[in-house]
Amino acid sequence: MIICNCNAISDREFSKVAQNGAGSIKGCFSVLGAKPNCGRCFTSVTKIIENARPQYEQDRSFEARKTKVSVA
């Protein structure tokens, strides 16, 4: 579903960049090569970031453990 009408960015696109570490509205737009316009999507984007953050933290933690194991 389109979340940002000004830039035609979907929830999936926002979710993907948030899961890859974009932890702010500005960060998400920057990674997607867009600029926020009217701001009506900010509440939805914030919720997407908040929902993606646990997955990002879990992935980072797994990668950190994996690196420690392979270095040792």
N, C-alpha and C. Protein backbone atom coordinates (compact mmCIF):
# COMPACT_ATOMS: atom_id res chain seq x y z
N MET A 1 0.85 -1.16 0.00
CA MET A 1 0.00 0.00 0.00
C MET A 1 0.90 1.24 0.00
N ILE A 2 0.51 2.25 -0.74
CA ILE A 2 1.27 3.49 -0.79
C ILE A 2 1.10 4.24 0.54
N ILE A 3 2.22 4.56 1.16
CA ILE A 3 2.23 5.30 2.43
C ILE A 3 2.49 6.78 2.17
N CYS A 4 3.47 7.05 1.30
CA CYS A 4 3.79 8.43 0.95
C CYS A 4 3.25 8.73 -0.44
N ASN A 5 2.17 9.47 -0.47
CA ASN A 5 1.56 9.82 -1.75
C ASN A 5 2.42 10.79 -2.56
N CYS A 6 3.13 11.66 -1.88
CA CYS A 6 3.95 12.66 -2.58
C CYS A 6 5.05 12.01 -3.41
N ASN A 7 5.62 10.90 -2.88
CA ASN A 7 6.73 10.23 -3.55
C ASN A 7 6.38 8.82 -4.04
N ALA A 8 5.13 8.42 -3.87
CA ALA A 8 4.66 7.09 -4.26
C ALA A 8 5.54 5.99 -3.68
N ILE A 9 5.73 6.03 -2.35
CA ILE A 9 6.54 5.03 -1.66
C ILE A 9 5.61 4.14 -0.85
N SER A 10 5.80 2.84 -0.99
CA SER A 10 4.92 1.88 -0.33
C SER A 10 5.41 1.51 1.07
N ASP A 11 4.53 0.87 1.81
CA ASP A 11 4.89 0.38 3.14
C ASP A 11 6.00 -0.66 3.04
N ARG A 12 5.99 -1.47 2.00
CA ARG A 12 7.04 -2.48 1.82
C ARG A 12 8.41 -1.84 1.63
N GLU A 13 8.44 -0.76 0.85
CA GLU A 13 9.71 -0.08 0.63
C GLU A 13 10.24 0.53 1.93
N PHE A 14 9.35 1.19 2.67
CA PHE A 14 9.76 1.76 3.96
C PHE A 14 10.20 0.67 4.91
N SER A 15 9.47 -0.42 4.95
CA SER A 15 9.80 -1.52 5.85
C SER A 15 11.16 -2.12 5.51
N LYS A 16 11.44 -2.30 4.25
CA LYS A 16 12.71 -2.88 3.82
C LYS A 16 13.89 -2.02 4.26
N VAL A 17 13.82 -0.71 4.02
CA VAL A 17 14.95 0.14 4.40
C VAL A 17 15.06 0.26 5.91
N ALA A 18 13.93 0.23 6.62
CA ALA A 18 13.97 0.28 8.08
C ALA A 18 14.58 -1.00 8.64
N GLN A 19 14.27 -2.14 8.05
CA GLN A 19 14.85 -3.40 8.49
C GLN A 19 16.35 -3.47 8.20
N ASN A 20 16.80 -2.66 7.27
CA ASN A 20 18.23 -2.61 6.94
C ASN A 20 18.95 -1.49 7.68
N GLY A 21 18.28 -0.87 8.66
CA GLY A 21 18.97 0.06 9.53
C GLY A 21 18.58 1.52 9.44
N ALA A 22 17.75 1.90 8.50
CA ALA A 22 17.30 3.31 8.46
C ALA A 22 16.37 3.53 9.63
N GLY A 23 16.84 4.23 10.65
CA GLY A 23 16.09 4.34 11.89
C GLY A 23 15.36 5.64 12.10
N SER A 24 15.20 6.41 11.04
CA SER A 24 14.48 7.68 11.16
C SER A 24 13.71 7.94 9.87
N ILE A 25 12.79 8.87 9.95
CA ILE A 25 12.03 9.25 8.75
C ILE A 25 13.00 9.78 7.70
N LYS A 26 13.86 10.69 8.13
CA LYS A 26 14.84 11.28 7.21
C LYS A 26 15.72 10.19 6.61
N GLY A 27 16.16 9.24 7.44
CA GLY A 27 17.00 8.16 6.95
C GLY A 27 16.31 7.29 5.92
N CYS A 28 15.05 6.98 6.16
CA CYS A 28 14.29 6.16 5.21
C CYS A 28 14.16 6.87 3.87
N PHE A 29 13.77 8.13 3.91
CA PHE A 29 13.62 8.88 2.67
C PHE A 29 14.95 9.00 1.93
N SER A 30 16.01 9.23 2.68
CA SER A 30 17.33 9.38 2.08
C SER A 30 17.75 8.10 1.35
N VAL A 31 17.60 6.96 2.01
CA VAL A 31 17.96 5.68 1.40
C VAL A 31 17.12 5.43 0.14
N LEU A 32 15.88 5.87 0.17
CA LEU A 32 14.99 5.67 -0.98
C LEU A 32 15.17 6.73 -2.06
N GLY A 33 16.08 7.68 -1.82
CA GLY A 33 16.35 8.71 -2.81
C GLY A 33 15.22 9.71 -2.98
N ALA A 34 14.50 9.95 -1.89
CA ALA A 34 13.37 10.88 -1.93
C ALA A 34 13.49 11.88 -0.79
N LYS A 35 12.66 12.89 -0.84
CA LYS A 35 12.61 13.89 0.23
C LYS A 35 11.17 13.98 0.73
N PRO A 36 11.01 14.05 2.07
CA PRO A 36 9.65 14.21 2.59
C PRO A 36 9.06 15.52 2.11
N ASN A 37 7.78 15.51 1.87
CA ASN A 37 7.12 16.69 1.32
C ASN A 37 6.11 17.27 2.30
N CYS A 38 4.91 16.74 2.31
CA CYS A 38 3.84 17.33 3.11
C CYS A 38 3.84 16.86 4.56
N GLY A 39 4.39 15.69 4.84
CA GLY A 39 4.47 15.16 6.20
C GLY A 39 3.30 14.32 6.66
N ARG A 40 2.29 14.14 5.82
CA ARG A 40 1.13 13.34 6.23
C ARG A 40 1.48 11.88 6.50
N CYS A 41 2.56 11.40 5.92
CA CYS A 41 2.93 9.99 6.07
C CYS A 41 3.80 9.74 7.31
N PHE A 42 4.23 10.78 8.01
CA PHE A 42 5.20 10.63 9.09
C PHE A 42 4.74 9.67 10.18
N THR A 43 3.48 9.72 10.56
CA THR A 43 2.98 8.82 11.60
C THR A 43 3.09 7.37 11.15
N SER A 44 2.70 7.10 9.91
CA SER A 44 2.77 5.73 9.39
C SER A 44 4.21 5.26 9.24
N VAL A 45 5.08 6.14 8.76
CA VAL A 45 6.49 5.77 8.59
C VAL A 45 7.12 5.50 9.95
N THR A 46 6.79 6.30 10.94
CA THR A 46 7.31 6.09 12.30
C THR A 46 6.89 4.72 12.83
N LYS A 47 5.65 4.35 12.62
CA LYS A 47 5.17 3.03 13.06
C LYS A 47 5.91 1.90 12.34
N ILE A 48 6.15 2.09 11.05
CA ILE A 48 6.89 1.07 10.28
C ILE A 48 8.30 0.93 10.83
N ILE A 49 8.95 2.04 11.11
CA ILE A 49 10.31 2.00 11.68
C ILE A 49 10.30 1.30 13.03
N GLU A 50 9.35 1.63 13.87
CA GLU A 50 9.26 1.00 15.19
C GLU A 50 9.03 -0.50 15.08
N ASN A 51 8.22 -0.92 14.13
CA ASN A 51 7.98 -2.36 13.94
C ASN A 51 9.18 -3.07 13.34
N ALA A 52 9.96 -2.37 12.55
CA ALA A 52 11.12 -2.98 11.91
C ALA A 52 12.33 -3.03 12.83
N ARG A 53 12.38 -2.14 13.80
CA ARG A 53 13.56 -2.04 14.67
C ARG A 53 13.90 -3.35 15.39
N PRO A 54 12.93 -4.07 15.99
CA PRO A 54 13.30 -5.33 16.64
C PRO A 54 13.94 -6.32 15.68
N GLN A 55 13.46 -6.39 14.45
CA GLN A 55 14.06 -7.30 13.46
C GLN A 55 15.48 -6.87 13.13
N TYR A 56 15.69 -5.56 12.97
CA TYR A 56 17.03 -5.04 12.68
C TYR A 56 17.98 -5.34 13.83
N GLU A 57 17.53 -5.11 15.07
CA GLU A 57 18.37 -5.38 16.24
C GLU A 57 18.69 -6.87 16.33
N GLN A 58 17.72 -7.71 16.06
CA GLN A 58 17.94 -9.14 16.10
C GLN A 58 18.95 -9.56 15.04
N ASP A 59 18.81 -9.04 13.84
CA ASP A 59 19.74 -9.36 12.75
C ASP A 59 21.15 -8.89 13.09
N ARG A 60 21.28 -7.69 13.65
CA ARG A 60 22.59 -7.16 14.03
C ARG A 60 23.22 -8.02 15.10
N SER A 61 22.43 -8.42 16.07
CA SER A 61 22.93 -9.25 17.16
C SER A 61 23.42 -10.60 16.63
N PHE A 62 22.65 -11.19 15.72
CA PHE A 62 23.04 -12.46 15.11
C PHE A 62 24.34 -12.31 14.34
N GLU A 63 24.46 -11.24 13.54
CA GLU A 63 25.67 -11.00 12.76
C GLU A 63 26.87 -10.79 13.67
N ALA A 64 26.68 -10.08 14.78
CA ALA A 64 27.78 -9.85 15.72
C ALA A 64 28.24 -11.17 16.36
N ARG A 65 27.29 -12.01 16.75
CA ARG A 65 27.65 -13.30 17.31
C ARG A 65 28.34 -14.17 16.28
N LYS A 66 27.86 -14.15 15.06
CA LYS A 66 28.44 -14.95 13.98
C LYS A 66 29.89 -14.50 13.73
N THR A 67 30.13 -13.21 13.75
CA THR A 67 31.48 -12.68 13.53
C THR A 67 32.42 -13.11 14.65
N LYS A 68 31.95 -13.04 15.89
CA LYS A 68 32.77 -13.45 17.02
C LYS A 68 33.14 -14.92 16.94
N VAL A 69 32.19 -15.74 16.54
CA VAL A 69 32.43 -17.17 16.44
C VAL A 69 33.43 -17.48 15.34
N SER A 70 33.32 -16.81 14.20
CA SER A 70 34.21 -17.11 13.09
C SER A 70 35.61 -16.54 13.29
N VAL A 71 35.76 -15.51 14.13
CA VAL A 71 37.07 -14.93 14.39
C VAL A 71 37.82 -15.78 15.40
N ALA A 72 37.12 -16.35 16.36
CA ALA A 72 37.74 -17.10 17.45
C ALA A 72 38.36 -18.37 17.02
